[in-house]
Amino acid sequence: GNCQDCTIHCQRGESQARIKTIMAYAAPRMLLRHPVMTARYLGKKLR
């Protein structure tokens, strides 16, 4: 699945915060720049 939906959260602390910051900024911009990757991600999230 997707990491944010997981019960375990393998990443913790600073590494988790860093990747969350990167994804929070870039994920909304992915739709325009990489629509196929965005569709693949959303499909994975819905399964």
ModelCIF file with pLDDT and N, C-alpha, C, O atoms, coordinates in Angstrom:
data_MODEL
#
_entry.id   MODEL 
#
_entity.id                         1 
_entity.type                       polymer 
_entity.pdbx_number_of_molecules   1 
#
_entity_poly.entity_id                      1 
_entity_poly.type                           'polypeptide(L)' 
_entity_poly.nstd_linkage                   no 
_entity_poly.nstd_monomer                   no 
_entity_poly.pdbx_seq_one_letter_code       GNCQDCTIHCQRGESQARIKTIMAYAAPRMLLRHPVMTARYLGKKLR 
_entity_poly.pdbx_seq_one_letter_code_can   GNCQDCTIHCQRGESQARIKTIMAYAAPRMLLRHPVMTARYLGKKLR 
_entity_poly.pdbx_strand_id                 A 
#
loop_
_entity_poly_seq.entity_id 
_entity_poly_seq.num 
_entity_poly_seq.mon_id 
_entity_poly_seq.hetero 
1 1  GLY n 
1 2  ASN n 
1 3  CYS n 
1 4  GLN n 
1 5  ASP n 
1 6  CYS n 
1 7  THR n 
1 8  ILE n 
1 9  HIS n 
1 10 CYS n 
1 11 GLN n 
1 12 ARG n 
1 13 GLY n 
1 14 GLU n 
1 15 SER n 
1 16 GLN n 
1 17 ALA n 
1 18 ARG n 
1 19 ILE n 
1 20 LYS n 
1 21 THR n 
1 22 ILE n 
1 23 MET n 
1 24 ALA n 
1 25 TYR n 
1 26 ALA n 
1 27 ALA n 
1 28 PRO n 
1 29 ARG n 
1 30 MET n 
1 31 LEU n 
1 32 LEU n 
1 33 ARG n 
1 34 HIS n 
1 35 PRO n 
1 36 VAL n 
1 37 MET n 
1 38 THR n 
1 39 ALA n 
1 40 ARG n 
1 41 TYR n 
1 42 LEU n 
1 43 GLY n 
1 44 LYS n 
1 45 LYS n 
1 46 LEU n 
1 47 ARG n 
#
_struct_asym.id          A 
_struct_asym.entity_id   1 
#
loop_
_ma_qa_metric.id 
_ma_qa_metric.mode 
_ma_qa_metric.name 
_ma_qa_metric.software_group_id 
_ma_qa_metric.type 
1 global pLDDT . pLDDT 
2 local  pLDDT . pLDDT 
#
_ma_qa_metric_global.metric_id      1 
_ma_qa_metric_global.metric_value   83.49 
_ma_qa_metric_global.model_id       1 
_ma_qa_metric_global.ordinal_id     1 
#
loop_
_ma_qa_metric_local.label_asym_id 
_ma_qa_metric_local.label_comp_id 
_ma_qa_metric_local.label_seq_id 
_ma_qa_metric_local.metric_id 
_ma_qa_metric_local.metric_value 
_ma_qa_metric_local.model_id 
_ma_qa_metric_local.ordinal_id 
A GLY 1  2 64.00 1 1  
A ASN 2  2 70.00 1 2  
A CYS 3  2 71.00 1 3  
A GLN 4  2 71.00 1 4  
A ASP 5  2 71.00 1 5  
A CYS 6  2 73.00 1 6  
A THR 7  2 77.00 1 7  
A ILE 8  2 74.00 1 8  
A HIS 9  2 74.00 1 9  
A CYS 10 2 74.00 1 10 
A GLN 11 2 75.00 1 11 
A ARG 12 2 77.00 1 12 
A GLY 13 2 81.00 1 13 
A GLU 14 2 87.00 1 14 
A SER 15 2 84.00 1 15 
A GLN 16 2 85.00 1 16 
A ALA 17 2 90.00 1 17 
A ARG 18 2 92.00 1 18 
A ILE 19 2 90.00 1 19 
A LYS 20 2 90.00 1 20 
A THR 21 2 94.00 1 21 
A ILE 22 2 94.00 1 22 
A MET 23 2 90.00 1 23 
A ALA 24 2 93.00 1 24 
A TYR 25 2 96.00 1 25 
A ALA 26 2 94.00 1 26 
A ALA 27 2 89.00 1 27 
A PRO 28 2 91.00 1 28 
A ARG 29 2 94.00 1 29 
A MET 30 2 92.00 1 30 
A LEU 31 2 91.00 1 31 
A LEU 32 2 92.00 1 32 
A ARG 33 2 93.00 1 33 
A HIS 34 2 93.00 1 34 
A PRO 35 2 93.00 1 35 
A VAL 36 2 92.00 1 36 
A MET 37 2 89.00 1 37 
A THR 38 2 87.00 1 38 
A ALA 39 2 88.00 1 39 
A ARG 40 2 84.00 1 40 
A TYR 41 2 79.00 1 41 
A LEU 42 2 79.00 1 42 
A GLY 43 2 80.00 1 43 
A LYS 44 2 73.00 1 44 
A LYS 45 2 71.00 1 45 
A LEU 46 2 74.00 1 46 
A ARG 47 2 69.00 1 47 
#
loop_
_atom_site.group_PDB 
_atom_site.id 
_atom_site.type_symbol 
_atom_site.label_atom_id 
_atom_site.label_alt_id 
_atom_site.label_comp_id 
_atom_site.label_asym_id 
_atom_site.label_entity_id 
_atom_site.label_seq_id 
_atom_site.pdbx_PDB_ins_code 
_atom_site.Cartn_x 
_atom_site.Cartn_y 
_atom_site.Cartn_z 
_atom_site.occupancy 
_atom_site.B_iso_or_equiv 
_atom_site.pdbx_formal_charge 
_atom_site.auth_seq_id 
_atom_site.auth_comp_id 
_atom_site.auth_asym_id 
_atom_site.auth_atom_id 
_atom_site.pdbx_PDB_model_num 
ATOM 1   N N  . GLY A 1 1  ? 0.828  -1.203 0.000   1.00 64.00 ? 1  GLY A N  1 
ATOM 2   C CA . GLY A 1 1  ? 0.000  0.000  0.000   1.00 64.00 ? 1  GLY A CA 1 
ATOM 3   C C  . GLY A 1 1  ? 0.858  1.245  0.000   1.00 64.00 ? 1  GLY A C  1 
ATOM 4   O O  . GLY A 1 1  ? 1.983  1.244  -0.499  1.00 64.00 ? 1  GLY A O  1 
ATOM 5   N N  . ASN A 1 2  ? 0.316  2.304  0.563   1.00 70.00 ? 2  ASN A N  1 
ATOM 6   C CA . ASN A 1 2  ? 1.051  3.555  0.688   1.00 70.00 ? 2  ASN A CA 1 
ATOM 7   C C  . ASN A 1 2  ? 1.464  3.734  2.140   1.00 70.00 ? 2  ASN A C  1 
ATOM 8   O O  . ASN A 1 2  ? 0.727  3.375  3.058   1.00 70.00 ? 2  ASN A O  1 
ATOM 9   N N  . CYS A 1 3  ? 2.630  4.282  2.331   1.00 71.00 ? 3  CYS A N  1 
ATOM 10  C CA . CYS A 1 3  ? 3.221  4.366  3.670   1.00 71.00 ? 3  CYS A CA 1 
ATOM 11  C C  . CYS A 1 3  ? 2.347  5.141  4.662   1.00 71.00 ? 3  CYS A C  1 
ATOM 12  O O  . CYS A 1 3  ? 2.262  4.759  5.829   1.00 71.00 ? 3  CYS A O  1 
ATOM 13  N N  . GLN A 1 4  ? 1.700  6.219  4.219   1.00 71.00 ? 4  GLN A N  1 
ATOM 14  C CA . GLN A 1 4  ? 0.920  7.006  5.171   1.00 71.00 ? 4  GLN A CA 1 
ATOM 15  C C  . GLN A 1 4  ? -0.304 6.246  5.679   1.00 71.00 ? 4  GLN A C  1 
ATOM 16  O O  . GLN A 1 4  ? -0.864 6.611  6.713   1.00 71.00 ? 4  GLN A O  1 
ATOM 17  N N  . ASP A 1 5  ? -0.730 5.199  4.973   1.00 71.00 ? 5  ASP A N  1 
ATOM 18  C CA . ASP A 1 5  ? -1.880 4.414  5.391   1.00 71.00 ? 5  ASP A CA 1 
ATOM 19  C C  . ASP A 1 5  ? -1.495 3.198  6.231   1.00 71.00 ? 5  ASP A C  1 
ATOM 20  O O  . ASP A 1 5  ? -2.369 2.478  6.713   1.00 71.00 ? 5  ASP A O  1 
ATOM 21  N N  . CYS A 1 6  ? -0.214 2.966  6.407   1.00 73.00 ? 6  CYS A N  1 
ATOM 22  C CA . CYS A 1 6  ? 0.272  1.764  7.071   1.00 73.00 ? 6  CYS A CA 1 
ATOM 23  C C  . CYS A 1 6  ? 0.165  1.877  8.591   1.00 73.00 ? 6  CYS A C  1 
ATOM 24  O O  . CYS A 1 6  ? 0.228  2.970  9.154   1.00 73.00 ? 6  CYS A O  1 
ATOM 25  N N  . THR A 1 7  ? 0.004  0.740  9.232   1.00 77.00 ? 7  THR A N  1 
ATOM 26  C CA . THR A 1 7  ? -0.082 0.721  10.696  1.00 77.00 ? 7  THR A CA 1 
ATOM 27  C C  . THR A 1 7  ? 1.291  0.706  11.357  1.00 77.00 ? 7  THR A C  1 
ATOM 28  O O  . THR A 1 7  ? 1.397  0.999  12.548  1.00 77.00 ? 7  THR A O  1 
ATOM 29  N N  . ILE A 1 8  ? 2.340  0.373  10.616  1.00 74.00 ? 8  ILE A N  1 
ATOM 30  C CA . ILE A 1 8  ? 3.672  0.208  11.202  1.00 74.00 ? 8  ILE A CA 1 
ATOM 31  C C  . ILE A 1 8  ? 4.505  1.485  11.197  1.00 74.00 ? 8  ILE A C  1 
ATOM 32  O O  . ILE A 1 8  ? 5.111  1.822  12.214  1.00 74.00 ? 8  ILE A O  1 
ATOM 33  N N  . HIS A 1 9  ? 4.548  2.198  10.079  1.00 74.00 ? 9  HIS A N  1 
ATOM 34  C CA . HIS A 1 9  ? 5.414  3.368  9.878   1.00 74.00 ? 9  HIS A CA 1 
ATOM 35  C C  . HIS A 1 9  ? 6.873  3.016  10.106  1.00 74.00 ? 9  HIS A C  1 
ATOM 36  O O  . HIS A 1 9  ? 7.428  3.260  11.177  1.00 74.00 ? 9  HIS A O  1 
ATOM 37  N N  . CYS A 1 10 ? 7.482  2.438  9.081   1.00 74.00 ? 10 CYS A N  1 
ATOM 38  C CA . CYS A 1 10 ? 8.891  2.021  9.147   1.00 74.00 ? 10 CYS A CA 1 
ATOM 39  C C  . CYS A 1 10 ? 9.831  3.196  9.380   1.00 74.00 ? 10 CYS A C  1 
ATOM 40  O O  . CYS A 1 10 ? 10.848 3.058  10.059  1.00 74.00 ? 10 CYS A O  1 
ATOM 41  N N  . GLN A 1 11 ? 9.493  4.344  8.819   1.00 75.00 ? 11 GLN A N  1 
ATOM 42  C CA . GLN A 1 11 ? 10.328 5.530  9.028   1.00 75.00 ? 11 GLN A CA 1 
ATOM 43  C C  . GLN A 1 11 ? 9.814  6.274  10.243  1.00 75.00 ? 11 GLN A C  1 
ATOM 44  O O  . GLN A 1 11 ? 8.608  6.388  10.462  1.00 75.00 ? 11 GLN A O  1 
ATOM 45  N N  . ARG A 1 12 ? 10.739 6.772  11.018  1.00 77.00 ? 12 ARG A N  1 
ATOM 46  C CA . ARG A 1 12 ? 10.386 7.528  12.220  1.00 77.00 ? 12 ARG A CA 1 
ATOM 47  C C  . ARG A 1 12 ? 11.271 8.751  12.322  1.00 77.00 ? 12 ARG A C  1 
ATOM 48  O O  . ARG A 1 12 ? 12.315 8.836  11.675  1.00 77.00 ? 12 ARG A O  1 
ATOM 49  N N  . GLY A 1 13 ? 10.851 9.682  13.126  1.00 81.00 ? 13 GLY A N  1 
ATOM 50  C CA . GLY A 1 13 ? 11.671 10.827 13.466  1.00 81.00 ? 13 GLY A CA 1 
ATOM 51  C C  . GLY A 1 13 ? 11.979 11.742 12.296  1.00 81.00 ? 13 GLY A C  1 
ATOM 52  O O  . GLY A 1 13 ? 11.106 12.070 11.492  1.00 81.00 ? 13 GLY A O  1 
ATOM 53  N N  . GLU A 1 14 ? 13.246 12.151 12.217  1.00 87.00 ? 14 GLU A N  1 
ATOM 54  C CA . GLU A 1 14 ? 13.673 13.133 11.235  1.00 87.00 ? 14 GLU A CA 1 
ATOM 55  C C  . GLU A 1 14 ? 13.486 12.657 9.797   1.00 87.00 ? 14 GLU A C  1 
ATOM 56  O O  . GLU A 1 14 ? 13.066 13.436 8.941   1.00 87.00 ? 14 GLU A O  1 
ATOM 57  N N  . SER A 1 15 ? 13.791 11.390 9.521   1.00 84.00 ? 15 SER A N  1 
ATOM 58  C CA . SER A 1 15 ? 13.654 10.893 8.147   1.00 84.00 ? 15 SER A CA 1 
ATOM 59  C C  . SER A 1 15 ? 12.194 10.909 7.700   1.00 84.00 ? 15 SER A C  1 
ATOM 60  O O  . SER A 1 15 ? 11.902 11.219 6.545   1.00 84.00 ? 15 SER A O  1 
ATOM 61  N N  . GLN A 1 16 ? 11.283 10.579 8.600   1.00 85.00 ? 16 GLN A N  1 
ATOM 62  C CA . GLN A 1 16 ? 9.868  10.620 8.274   1.00 85.00 ? 16 GLN A CA 1 
ATOM 63  C C  . GLN A 1 16 ? 9.416  12.060 8.035   1.00 85.00 ? 16 GLN A C  1 
ATOM 64  O O  . GLN A 1 16 ? 8.653  12.327 7.107   1.00 85.00 ? 16 GLN A O  1 
ATOM 65  N N  . ALA A 1 17 ? 9.879  12.973 8.861   1.00 90.00 ? 17 ALA A N  1 
ATOM 66  C CA . ALA A 1 17 ? 9.508  14.383 8.711   1.00 90.00 ? 17 ALA A CA 1 
ATOM 67  C C  . ALA A 1 17 ? 10.041 14.955 7.399   1.00 90.00 ? 17 ALA A C  1 
ATOM 68  O O  . ALA A 1 17 ? 9.353  15.724 6.727   1.00 90.00 ? 17 ALA A O  1 
ATOM 69  N N  . ARG A 1 18 ? 11.274 14.576 7.035   1.00 92.00 ? 18 ARG A N  1 
ATOM 70  C CA . ARG A 1 18 ? 11.867 15.093 5.800   1.00 92.00 ? 18 ARG A CA 1 
ATOM 71  C C  . ARG A 1 18 ? 11.102 14.633 4.564   1.00 92.00 ? 18 ARG A C  1 
ATOM 72  O O  . ARG A 1 18 ? 10.808 15.437 3.679   1.00 92.00 ? 18 ARG A O  1 
ATOM 73  N N  . ILE A 1 19 ? 10.779 13.351 4.499   1.00 90.00 ? 19 ILE A N  1 
ATOM 74  C CA . ILE A 1 19 ? 10.079 12.860 3.314   1.00 90.00 ? 19 ILE A CA 1 
ATOM 75  C C  . ILE A 1 19 ? 8.643  13.394 3.278   1.00 90.00 ? 19 ILE A C  1 
ATOM 76  O O  . ILE A 1 19 ? 8.106  13.623 2.194   1.00 90.00 ? 19 ILE A O  1 
ATOM 77  N N  . LYS A 1 20 ? 8.021  13.595 4.425   1.00 90.00 ? 20 LYS A N  1 
ATOM 78  C CA . LYS A 1 20 ? 6.678  14.186 4.460   1.00 90.00 ? 20 LYS A CA 1 
ATOM 79  C C  . LYS A 1 20 ? 6.702  15.617 3.931   1.00 90.00 ? 20 LYS A C  1 
ATOM 80  O O  . LYS A 1 20 ? 5.800  16.028 3.202   1.00 90.00 ? 20 LYS A O  1 
ATOM 81  N N  . THR A 1 21 ? 7.736  16.372 4.298   1.00 94.00 ? 21 THR A N  1 
ATOM 82  C CA . THR A 1 21 ? 7.873  17.745 3.821   1.00 94.00 ? 21 THR A CA 1 
ATOM 83  C C  . THR A 1 21 ? 8.046  17.776 2.310   1.00 94.00 ? 21 THR A C  1 
ATOM 84  O O  . THR A 1 21 ? 7.406  18.568 1.618   1.00 94.00 ? 21 THR A O  1 
ATOM 85  N N  . ILE A 1 22 ? 8.915  16.909 1.804   1.00 94.00 ? 22 ILE A N  1 
ATOM 86  C CA . ILE A 1 22 ? 9.154  16.831 0.365   1.00 94.00 ? 22 ILE A CA 1 
ATOM 87  C C  . ILE A 1 22 ? 7.860  16.461 -0.364  1.00 94.00 ? 22 ILE A C  1 
ATOM 88  O O  . ILE A 1 22 ? 7.508  17.088 -1.363  1.00 94.00 ? 22 ILE A O  1 
ATOM 89  N N  . MET A 1 23 ? 7.164  15.456 0.130   1.00 90.00 ? 23 MET A N  1 
ATOM 90  C CA . MET A 1 23 ? 5.949  14.992 -0.544  1.00 90.00 ? 23 MET A CA 1 
ATOM 91  C C  . MET A 1 23 ? 4.809  16.002 -0.429  1.00 90.00 ? 23 MET A C  1 
ATOM 92  O O  . MET A 1 23 ? 4.031  16.161 -1.369  1.00 90.00 ? 23 MET A O  1 
ATOM 93  N N  . ALA A 1 24 ? 4.700  16.683 0.707   1.00 93.00 ? 24 ALA A N  1 
ATOM 94  C CA . ALA A 1 24 ? 3.634  17.670 0.873   1.00 93.00 ? 24 ALA A CA 1 
ATOM 95  C C  . ALA A 1 24 ? 3.782  18.809 -0.133  1.00 93.00 ? 24 ALA A C  1 
ATOM 96  O O  . ALA A 1 24 ? 2.785  19.332 -0.632  1.00 93.00 ? 24 ALA A O  1 
ATOM 97  N N  . TYR A 1 25 ? 5.008  19.187 -0.427  1.00 96.00 ? 25 TYR A N  1 
ATOM 98  C CA . TYR A 1 25 ? 5.234  20.244 -1.400  1.00 96.00 ? 25 TYR A CA 1 
ATOM 99  C C  . TYR A 1 25 ? 5.045  19.733 -2.836  1.00 96.00 ? 25 TYR A C  1 
ATOM 100 O O  . TYR A 1 25 ? 4.344  20.351 -3.638  1.00 96.00 ? 25 TYR A O  1 
ATOM 101 N N  . ALA A 1 26 ? 5.670  18.614 -3.141  1.00 94.00 ? 26 ALA A N  1 
ATOM 102 C CA . ALA A 1 26 ? 5.761  18.175 -4.534  1.00 94.00 ? 26 ALA A CA 1 
ATOM 103 C C  . ALA A 1 26 ? 4.570  17.359 -5.023  1.00 94.00 ? 26 ALA A C  1 
ATOM 104 O O  . ALA A 1 26 ? 4.251  17.411 -6.211  1.00 94.00 ? 26 ALA A O  1 
ATOM 105 N N  . ALA A 1 27 ? 3.914  16.624 -4.167  1.00 89.00 ? 27 ALA A N  1 
ATOM 106 C CA . ALA A 1 27 ? 2.826  15.741 -4.611  1.00 89.00 ? 27 ALA A CA 1 
ATOM 107 C C  . ALA A 1 27 ? 1.721  16.487 -5.360  1.00 89.00 ? 27 ALA A C  1 
ATOM 108 O O  . ALA A 1 27 ? 1.281  16.002 -6.402  1.00 89.00 ? 27 ALA A O  1 
ATOM 109 N N  . PRO A 1 28 ? 1.252  17.647 -4.881  1.00 91.00 ? 28 PRO A N  1 
ATOM 110 C CA . PRO A 1 28 ? 0.213  18.349 -5.645  1.00 91.00 ? 28 PRO A CA 1 
ATOM 111 C C  . PRO A 1 28 ? 0.697  18.809 -7.020  1.00 91.00 ? 28 PRO A C  1 
ATOM 112 O O  . PRO A 1 28 ? -0.108 18.951 -7.940  1.00 91.00 ? 28 PRO A O  1 
ATOM 113 N N  . ARG A 1 29 ? 1.985  19.041 -7.169  1.00 94.00 ? 29 ARG A N  1 
ATOM 114 C CA . ARG A 1 29 ? 2.545  19.504 -8.436  1.00 94.00 ? 29 ARG A CA 1 
ATOM 115 C C  . ARG A 1 29 ? 2.795  18.346 -9.409  1.00 94.00 ? 29 ARG A C  1 
ATOM 116 O O  . ARG A 1 29 ? 3.053  18.571 -10.592 1.00 94.00 ? 29 ARG A O  1 
ATOM 117 N N  . MET A 1 30 ? 2.720  17.129 -8.915  1.00 92.00 ? 30 MET A N  1 
ATOM 118 C CA . MET A 1 30 ? 2.968  15.956 -9.761  1.00 92.00 ? 30 MET A CA 1 
ATOM 119 C C  . MET A 1 30 ? 1.884  15.784 -10.825 1.00 92.00 ? 30 MET A C  1 
ATOM 120 O O  . MET A 1 30 ? 2.176  15.301 -11.919 1.00 92.00 ? 30 MET A O  1 
ATOM 121 N N  . LEU A 1 31 ? 0.661  16.163 -10.535 1.00 91.00 ? 31 LEU A N  1 
ATOM 122 C CA . LEU A 1 31 ? -0.437 15.962 -11.485 1.00 91.00 ? 31 LEU A CA 1 
ATOM 123 C C  . LEU A 1 31 ? -0.152 16.644 -12.823 1.00 91.00 ? 31 LEU A C  1 
ATOM 124 O O  . LEU A 1 31 ? -0.413 16.072 -13.881 1.00 91.00 ? 31 LEU A O  1 
ATOM 125 N N  . LEU A 1 32 ? 0.376  17.849 -12.775 1.00 92.00 ? 32 LEU A N  1 
ATOM 126 C CA . LEU A 1 32 ? 0.667  18.563 -14.015 1.00 92.00 ? 32 LEU A CA 1 
ATOM 127 C C  . LEU A 1 32 ? 1.945  18.077 -14.686 1.00 92.00 ? 32 LEU A C  1 
ATOM 128 O O  . LEU A 1 32 ? 2.016  18.019 -15.914 1.00 92.00 ? 32 LEU A O  1 
ATOM 129 N N  . ARG A 1 33 ? 2.952  17.727 -13.894 1.00 93.00 ? 33 ARG A N  1 
ATOM 130 C CA . ARG A 1 33 ? 4.250  17.374 -14.461 1.00 93.00 ? 33 ARG A CA 1 
ATOM 131 C C  . ARG A 1 33 ? 4.378  15.902 -14.823 1.00 93.00 ? 33 ARG A C  1 
ATOM 132 O O  . ARG A 1 33 ? 5.066  15.548 -15.780 1.00 93.00 ? 33 ARG A O  1 
ATOM 133 N N  . HIS A 1 34 ? 3.715  15.052 -14.059 1.00 93.00 ? 34 HIS A N  1 
ATOM 134 C CA . HIS A 1 34 ? 3.815  13.606 -14.284 1.00 93.00 ? 34 HIS A CA 1 
ATOM 135 C C  . HIS A 1 34 ? 2.439  12.960 -14.071 1.00 93.00 ? 34 HIS A C  1 
ATOM 136 O O  . HIS A 1 34 ? 2.240  12.265 -13.075 1.00 93.00 ? 34 HIS A O  1 
ATOM 137 N N  . PRO A 1 35 ? 1.499  13.172 -14.978 1.00 93.00 ? 35 PRO A N  1 
ATOM 138 C CA . PRO A 1 35 ? 0.139  12.644 -14.771 1.00 93.00 ? 35 PRO A CA 1 
ATOM 139 C C  . PRO A 1 35 ? 0.065  11.125 -14.709 1.00 93.00 ? 35 PRO A C  1 
ATOM 140 O O  . PRO A 1 35 ? -0.771 10.590 -13.980 1.00 93.00 ? 35 PRO A O  1 
ATOM 141 N N  . VAL A 1 36 ? 0.912  10.409 -15.450 1.00 92.00 ? 36 VAL A N  1 
ATOM 142 C CA . VAL A 1 36 ? 0.872  8.942  -15.420 1.00 92.00 ? 36 VAL A CA 1 
ATOM 143 C C  . VAL A 1 36 ? 1.337  8.425  -14.060 1.00 92.00 ? 36 VAL A C  1 
ATOM 144 O O  . VAL A 1 36 ? 0.713  7.527  -13.493 1.00 92.00 ? 36 VAL A O  1 
ATOM 145 N N  . MET A 1 37 ? 2.422  8.983  -13.534 1.00 89.00 ? 37 MET A N  1 
ATOM 146 C CA . MET A 1 37 ? 2.891  8.584  -12.198 1.00 89.00 ? 37 MET A CA 1 
ATOM 147 C C  . MET A 1 37 ? 1.836  8.898  -11.143 1.00 89.00 ? 37 MET A C  1 
ATOM 148 O O  . MET A 1 37 ? 1.627  8.116  -10.216 1.00 89.00 ? 37 MET A O  1 
ATOM 149 N N  . THR A 1 38 ? 1.177  10.038 -11.284 1.00 87.00 ? 38 THR A N  1 
ATOM 150 C CA . THR A 1 38 ? 0.138  10.421 -10.325 1.00 87.00 ? 38 THR A CA 1 
ATOM 151 C C  . THR A 1 38 ? -1.028 9.433  -10.380 1.00 87.00 ? 38 THR A C  1 
ATOM 152 O O  . THR A 1 38 ? -1.542 9.025  -9.338  1.00 87.00 ? 38 THR A O  1 
ATOM 153 N N  . ALA A 1 39 ? -1.446 9.051  -11.573 1.00 88.00 ? 39 ALA A N  1 
ATOM 154 C CA . ALA A 1 39 ? -2.538 8.089  -11.723 1.00 88.00 ? 39 ALA A CA 1 
ATOM 155 C C  . ALA A 1 39 ? -2.147 6.740  -11.129 1.00 88.00 ? 39 ALA A C  1 
ATOM 156 O O  . ALA A 1 39 ? -2.965 6.089  -10.481 1.00 88.00 ? 39 ALA A O  1 
ATOM 157 N N  . ARG A 1 40 ? -0.909 6.319  -11.342 1.00 84.00 ? 40 ARG A N  1 
ATOM 158 C CA . ARG A 1 40 ? -0.431 5.050  -10.789 1.00 84.00 ? 40 ARG A CA 1 
ATOM 159 C C  . ARG A 1 40 ? -0.437 5.091  -9.263  1.00 84.00 ? 40 ARG A C  1 
ATOM 160 O O  . ARG A 1 40 ? -0.834 4.126  -8.610  1.00 84.00 ? 40 ARG A O  1 
ATOM 161 N N  . TYR A 1 41 ? 0.007  6.216  -8.699  1.00 79.00 ? 41 TYR A N  1 
ATOM 162 C CA . TYR A 1 41 ? 0.014  6.382  -7.245  1.00 79.00 ? 41 TYR A CA 1 
ATOM 163 C C  . TYR A 1 41 ? -1.410 6.353  -6.687  1.00 79.00 ? 41 TYR A C  1 
ATOM 164 O O  . TYR A 1 41 ? -1.679 5.677  -5.694  1.00 79.00 ? 41 TYR A O  1 
ATOM 165 N N  . LEU A 1 42 ? -2.314 7.086  -7.325  1.00 79.00 ? 42 LEU A N  1 
ATOM 166 C CA . LEU A 1 42 ? -3.688 7.119  -6.831  1.00 79.00 ? 42 LEU A CA 1 
ATOM 167 C C  . LEU A 1 42 ? -4.358 5.756  -6.954  1.00 79.00 ? 42 LEU A C  1 
ATOM 168 O O  . LEU A 1 42 ? -5.153 5.374  -6.096  1.00 79.00 ? 42 LEU A O  1 
ATOM 169 N N  . GLY A 1 43 ? -4.039 5.023  -8.017  1.00 80.00 ? 43 GLY A N  1 
ATOM 170 C CA . GLY A 1 43 ? -4.566 3.668  -8.162  1.00 80.00 ? 43 GLY A CA 1 
ATOM 171 C C  . GLY A 1 43 ? -4.078 2.755  -7.050  1.00 80.00 ? 43 GLY A C  1 
ATOM 172 O O  . GLY A 1 43 ? -4.836 1.940  -6.525  1.00 80.00 ? 43 GLY A O  1 
ATOM 173 N N  . LYS A 1 44 ? -2.815 2.899  -6.698  1.00 73.00 ? 44 LYS A N  1 
ATOM 174 C CA . LYS A 1 44 ? -2.247 2.111  -5.607  1.00 73.00 ? 44 LYS A CA 1 
ATOM 175 C C  . LYS A 1 44 ? -2.896 2.494  -4.282  1.00 73.00 ? 44 LYS A C  1 
ATOM 176 O O  . LYS A 1 44 ? -3.133 1.633  -3.434  1.00 73.00 ? 44 LYS A O  1 
ATOM 177 N N  . LYS A 1 45 ? -3.181 3.769  -4.103  1.00 71.00 ? 45 LYS A N  1 
ATOM 178 C CA . LYS A 1 45 ? -3.788 4.247  -2.868  1.00 71.00 ? 45 LYS A CA 1 
ATOM 179 C C  . LYS A 1 45 ? -5.216 3.740  -2.707  1.00 71.00 ? 45 LYS A C  1 
ATOM 180 O O  . LYS A 1 45 ? -5.668 3.502  -1.587  1.00 71.00 ? 45 LYS A O  1 
ATOM 181 N N  . LEU A 1 46 ? -5.923 3.573  -3.813  1.00 74.00 ? 46 LEU A N  1 
ATOM 182 C CA . LEU A 1 46 ? -7.313 3.142  -3.748  1.00 74.00 ? 46 LEU A CA 1 
ATOM 183 C C  . LEU A 1 46 ? -7.476 1.637  -3.545  1.00 74.00 ? 46 LEU A C  1 
ATOM 184 O O  . LEU A 1 46 ? -8.521 1.176  -3.086  1.00 74.00 ? 46 LEU A O  1 
ATOM 185 N N  . ARG A 1 47 ? -6.426 0.867  -3.894  1.00 69.00 ? 47 ARG A N  1 
ATOM 186 C CA . ARG A 1 47 ? -6.502 -0.587 -3.697  1.00 69.00 ? 47 ARG A CA 1 
ATOM 187 C C  . ARG A 1 47 ? -6.392 -0.923 -2.213  1.00 69.00 ? 47 ARG A C  1 
ATOM 188 O O  . ARG A 1 47 ? -6.435 -2.096 -1.840  1.00 69.00 ? 47 ARG A O  1 
#
